[in-house]
Amino acid sequence: MFNIERTGLNRLDIQLSGKLDTEEMKIALDELVNKSEKIENGKMLYEITDFHLPSLGAIAIEFSRLPSMLGLMKKFNRAAVLTDKRWLKKVSEFEGHFFPGLEIKAFPRDQKKEAEVWLR
């Protein structure tokens, strides 16, 4: 499951759980692009539960759209990731090094209030 909700002028809340297949990845990326329209200095709050690696087809879709995704990420300057998986916390924060101007910080899932404060 991949759910994206625009919760403010410059904020997206994203929920991710389970495994994404090819079709779900296409829909998720299209929705991310659509809901990011007109966002500047944006913030994202990711909640990741029951994470599974995407299918190979889904990964191929993501790589095929990498140039447009890199441009999209320039609209955001902060992303908070809520997860209880230690390795996802590390990978999320490391991923921030690939997007100049985007700071990513991971929090345990029970620290949503702290993550929201940090996003401000």
C-alpha atoms as a PDB file:
ATOM      1  CA  MET A   1       0.000   0.000   0.000  1.00  0.00           C
ATOM      2  CA  PHE A   2       1.189   3.467  -0.888  1.00  0.00           C
ATOM      3  CA  ASN A   3      -1.025   6.349   0.170  1.00  0.00           C
ATOM      4  CA  ILE A   4      -0.229  10.037  -0.354  1.00  0.00           C
ATOM      5  CA  GLU A   5      -2.200  12.856   1.227  1.00  0.00           C
ATOM      6  CA  ARG A   6      -1.551  16.557   0.838  1.00  0.00           C
ATOM      7  CA  THR A   7      -2.003  17.822   4.388  1.00  0.00           C
ATOM      8  CA  GLY A   8      -0.994  21.432   3.910  1.00  0.00           C
ATOM      9  CA  LEU A   9       0.141  23.986   1.392  1.00  0.00           C
ATOM     10  CA  ASN A  10       3.638  22.491   1.278  1.00  0.00           C
ATOM     11  CA  ARG A  11       3.321  19.121   2.975  1.00  0.00           C
ATOM     12  CA  LEU A  12       2.717  15.555   1.910  1.00  0.00           C
ATOM     13  CA  ASP A  13       2.041  12.665   4.280  1.00  0.00           C
ATOM     14  CA  ILE A  14       2.949   9.313   2.779  1.00  0.00           C
ATOM     15  CA  GLN A  15       2.062   5.889   4.147  1.00  0.00           C
ATOM     16  CA  LEU A  16       3.910   2.859   2.860  1.00  0.00           C
ATOM     17  CA  SER A  17       3.374  -0.757   3.836  1.00  0.00           C
ATOM     18  CA  GLY A  18       3.674  -4.133   2.220  1.00  0.00           C
ATOM     19  CA  LYS A  19       5.186  -4.797  -1.184  1.00  0.00           C
ATOM     20  CA  LEU A  20       4.666  -2.644  -4.277  1.00  0.00           C
ATOM     21  CA  ASP A  21       4.266  -4.324  -7.642  1.00  0.00           C
ATOM     22  CA  THR A  22       4.776  -2.701 -11.067  1.00  0.00           C
ATOM     23  CA  GLU A  23       1.274  -1.257 -11.417  1.00  0.00           C
ATOM     24  CA  GLU A  24       1.164   0.043  -7.842  1.00  0.00           C
ATOM     25  CA  MET A  25       4.543   1.758  -8.352  1.00  0.00           C
ATOM     26  CA  LYS A  26       3.281   3.507 -11.502  1.00  0.00           C
ATOM     27  CA  ILE A  27       0.197   4.741  -9.667  1.00  0.00           C
ATOM     28  CA  ALA A  28       2.207   5.805  -6.603  1.00  0.00           C
ATOM     29  CA  LEU A  29       4.753   7.804  -8.617  1.00  0.00           C
ATOM     30  CA  ASP A  30       2.029   9.471 -10.701  1.00  0.00           C
ATOM     31  CA  GLU A  31       0.187  10.419  -7.519  1.00  0.00           C
ATOM     32  CA  LEU A  32       3.390  11.761  -5.969  1.00  0.00           C
ATOM     33  CA  VAL A  33       3.977  13.991  -9.001  1.00  0.00           C
ATOM     34  CA  ASN A  34       0.357  15.206  -9.057  1.00  0.00           C
ATOM     35  CA  LYS A  35       0.156  15.971  -5.348  1.00  0.00           C
ATOM     36  CA  SER A  36       3.527  17.759  -5.422  1.00  0.00           C
ATOM     37  CA  GLU A  37       2.361  20.361  -7.929  1.00  0.00           C
ATOM     38  CA  LYS A  38       3.021  23.929  -6.823  1.00  0.00           C
ATOM     39  CA  ILE A  39       4.915  22.832  -3.703  1.00  0.00           C
ATOM     40  CA  GLU A  40       7.985  24.879  -2.774  1.00  0.00           C
ATOM     41  CA  ASN A  41      10.183  24.297   0.276  1.00  0.00           C
ATOM     42  CA  GLY A  42       8.045  21.264   0.942  1.00  0.00           C
ATOM     43  CA  LYS A  43       7.956  18.821   3.804  1.00  0.00           C
ATOM     44  CA  MET A  44       7.204  15.096   3.716  1.00  0.00           C
ATOM     45  CA  LEU A  45       6.210  12.765   6.518  1.00  0.00           C
ATOM     46  CA  TYR A  46       6.705   9.082   5.644  1.00  0.00           C
ATOM     47  CA  GLU A  47       5.145   6.384   7.803  1.00  0.00           C
ATOM     48  CA  ILE A  48       6.592   3.001   6.926  1.00  0.00           C
ATOM     49  CA  THR A  49       5.053  -0.157   8.376  1.00  0.00           C
ATOM     50  CA  ASP A  50       5.433  -3.794   7.357  1.00  0.00           C
ATOM     51  CA  PHE A  51       7.920  -2.876   4.630  1.00  0.00           C
ATOM     52  CA  HIS A  52       8.875  -5.345   1.910  1.00  0.00           C
ATOM     53  CA  LEU A  53      11.215  -4.676  -0.981  1.00  0.00           C
ATOM     54  CA  PRO A  54       9.315  -3.749  -4.165  1.00  0.00           C
ATOM     55  CA  SER A  55       9.065  -6.231  -7.017  1.00  0.00           C
ATOM     56  CA  LEU A  56      11.754  -6.108  -9.719  1.00  0.00           C
ATOM     57  CA  GLY A  57       9.230  -4.590 -12.108  1.00  0.00           C
ATOM     58  CA  ALA A  58       8.414  -1.858  -9.598  1.00  0.00           C
ATOM     59  CA  ILE A  59      12.120  -1.089  -9.153  1.00  0.00           C
ATOM     60  CA  ALA A  60      12.508  -0.872 -12.946  1.00  0.00           C
ATOM     61  CA  ILE A  61       9.638   1.641 -13.090  1.00  0.00           C
ATOM     62  CA  GLU A  62      11.249   3.715 -10.344  1.00  0.00           C
ATOM     63  CA  PHE A  63      14.615   3.746 -12.150  1.00  0.00           C
ATOM     64  CA  SER A  64      12.978   4.639 -15.457  1.00  0.00           C
ATOM     65  CA  ARG A  65      11.511   7.738 -13.803  1.00  0.00           C
ATOM     66  CA  LEU A  66      14.640   8.658 -11.872  1.00  0.00           C
ATOM     67  CA  PRO A  67      15.349  11.928 -13.770  1.00  0.00           C
ATOM     68  CA  SER A  68      11.859  13.277 -13.110  1.00  0.00           C
ATOM     69  CA  MET A  69      11.983  12.072  -9.477  1.00  0.00           C
ATOM     70  CA  LEU A  70      15.251  13.937  -8.925  1.00  0.00           C
ATOM     71  CA  GLY A  71      13.582  17.112 -10.181  1.00  0.00           C
ATOM     72  CA  LEU A  72      10.582  16.480  -7.974  1.00  0.00           C
ATOM     73  CA  MET A  73      12.740  16.101  -4.869  1.00  0.00           C
ATOM     74  CA  LYS A  74      14.054  19.649  -5.387  1.00  0.00           C
ATOM     75  CA  LYS A  75      10.612  20.862  -4.301  1.00  0.00           C
ATOM     76  CA  PHE A  76      11.229  19.506  -0.796  1.00  0.00           C
ATOM     77  CA  ASN A  77      13.743  20.520   1.858  1.00  0.00           C
ATOM     78  CA  ARG A  78      12.805  18.178   4.725  1.00  0.00           C
ATOM     79  CA  ALA A  79      11.501  14.654   5.081  1.00  0.00           C
ATOM     80  CA  ALA A  80      10.785  12.815   8.320  1.00  0.00           C
ATOM     81  CA  VAL A  81      10.611   9.035   8.202  1.00  0.00           C
ATOM     82  CA  LEU A  82       8.689   7.120  10.859  1.00  0.00           C
ATOM     83  CA  THR A  83       9.694   3.467  11.095  1.00  0.00           C
ATOM     84  CA  ASP A  84      10.611   0.907  13.703  1.00  0.00           C
ATOM     85  CA  LYS A  85      13.059  -0.850  11.375  1.00  0.00           C
ATOM     86  CA  ARG A  86      16.583   0.165  12.301  1.00  0.00           C
ATOM     87  CA  TRP A  87      17.983  -0.514   8.830  1.00  0.00           C
ATOM     88  CA  LEU A  88      15.275   1.639   7.205  1.00  0.00           C
ATOM     89  CA  LYS A  89      16.210   4.533   9.487  1.00  0.00           C
ATOM     90  CA  LYS A  90      19.834   4.301   8.390  1.00  0.00           C
ATOM     91  CA  VAL A  91      19.014   3.878   4.693  1.00  0.00           C
ATOM     92  CA  SER A  92      16.550   6.797   4.791  1.00  0.00           C
ATOM     93  CA  GLU A  93      19.028   9.195   6.331  1.00  0.00           C
ATOM     94  CA  PHE A  94      21.793   8.004   3.980  1.00  0.00           C
ATOM     95  CA  GLU A  95      19.487   8.580   1.010  1.00  0.00           C
ATOM     96  CA  GLY A  96      19.332  12.253   1.962  1.00  0.00           C
ATOM     97  CA  HIS A  97      22.957  12.607   0.812  1.00  0.00           C
ATOM     98  CA  PHE A  98      21.842  11.967  -2.776  1.00  0.00           C
ATOM     99  CA  PHE A  99      19.417  14.901  -2.842  1.00  0.00           C
ATOM    100  CA  PRO A 100      21.143  18.257  -2.323  1.00  0.00           C
ATOM    101  CA  GLY A 101      18.941  20.562  -0.277  1.00  0.00           C
ATOM    102  CA  LEU A 102      16.845  17.727   1.160  1.00  0.00           C
ATOM    103  CA  GLU A 103      17.419  16.784   4.781  1.00  0.00           C
ATOM    104  CA  ILE A 104      16.026  13.423   5.874  1.00  0.00           C
ATOM    105  CA  LYS A 105      15.707  12.403   9.502  1.00  0.00           C
ATOM    106  CA  ALA A 106      14.327   9.096  10.788  1.00  0.00           C
ATOM    107  CA  PHE A 107      12.254   8.663  13.942  1.00  0.00           C
ATOM    108  CA  PRO A 108      10.708   5.668  15.734  1.00  0.00           C
ATOM    109  CA  ARG A 109       7.023   5.321  14.812  1.00  0.00           C
ATOM    110  CA  ASP A 110       5.901   6.363  18.299  1.00  0.00           C
ATOM    111  CA  GLN A 111       7.626   9.759  17.881  1.00  0.00           C
ATOM    112  CA  LYS A 112       5.265  11.281  15.333  1.00  0.00           C
ATOM    113  CA  LYS A 113       4.877  14.513  17.324  1.00  0.00           C
ATOM    114  CA  GLU A 114       8.655  14.939  17.476  1.00  0.00           C
ATOM    115  CA  ALA A 115       8.908  14.321  13.733  1.00  0.00           C
ATOM    116  CA  GLU A 116       6.224  16.914  13.028  1.00  0.00           C
ATOM    117  CA  VAL A 117       8.009  19.477  15.220  1.00  0.00           C
ATOM    118  CA  TRP A 118      11.260  18.776  13.355  1.00  0.00           C
ATOM    119  CA  LEU A 119       9.515  19.253  10.002  1.00  0.00           C
ATOM    120  CA  ARG A 120       8.477  22.770  10.983  1.00  0.00           C
END
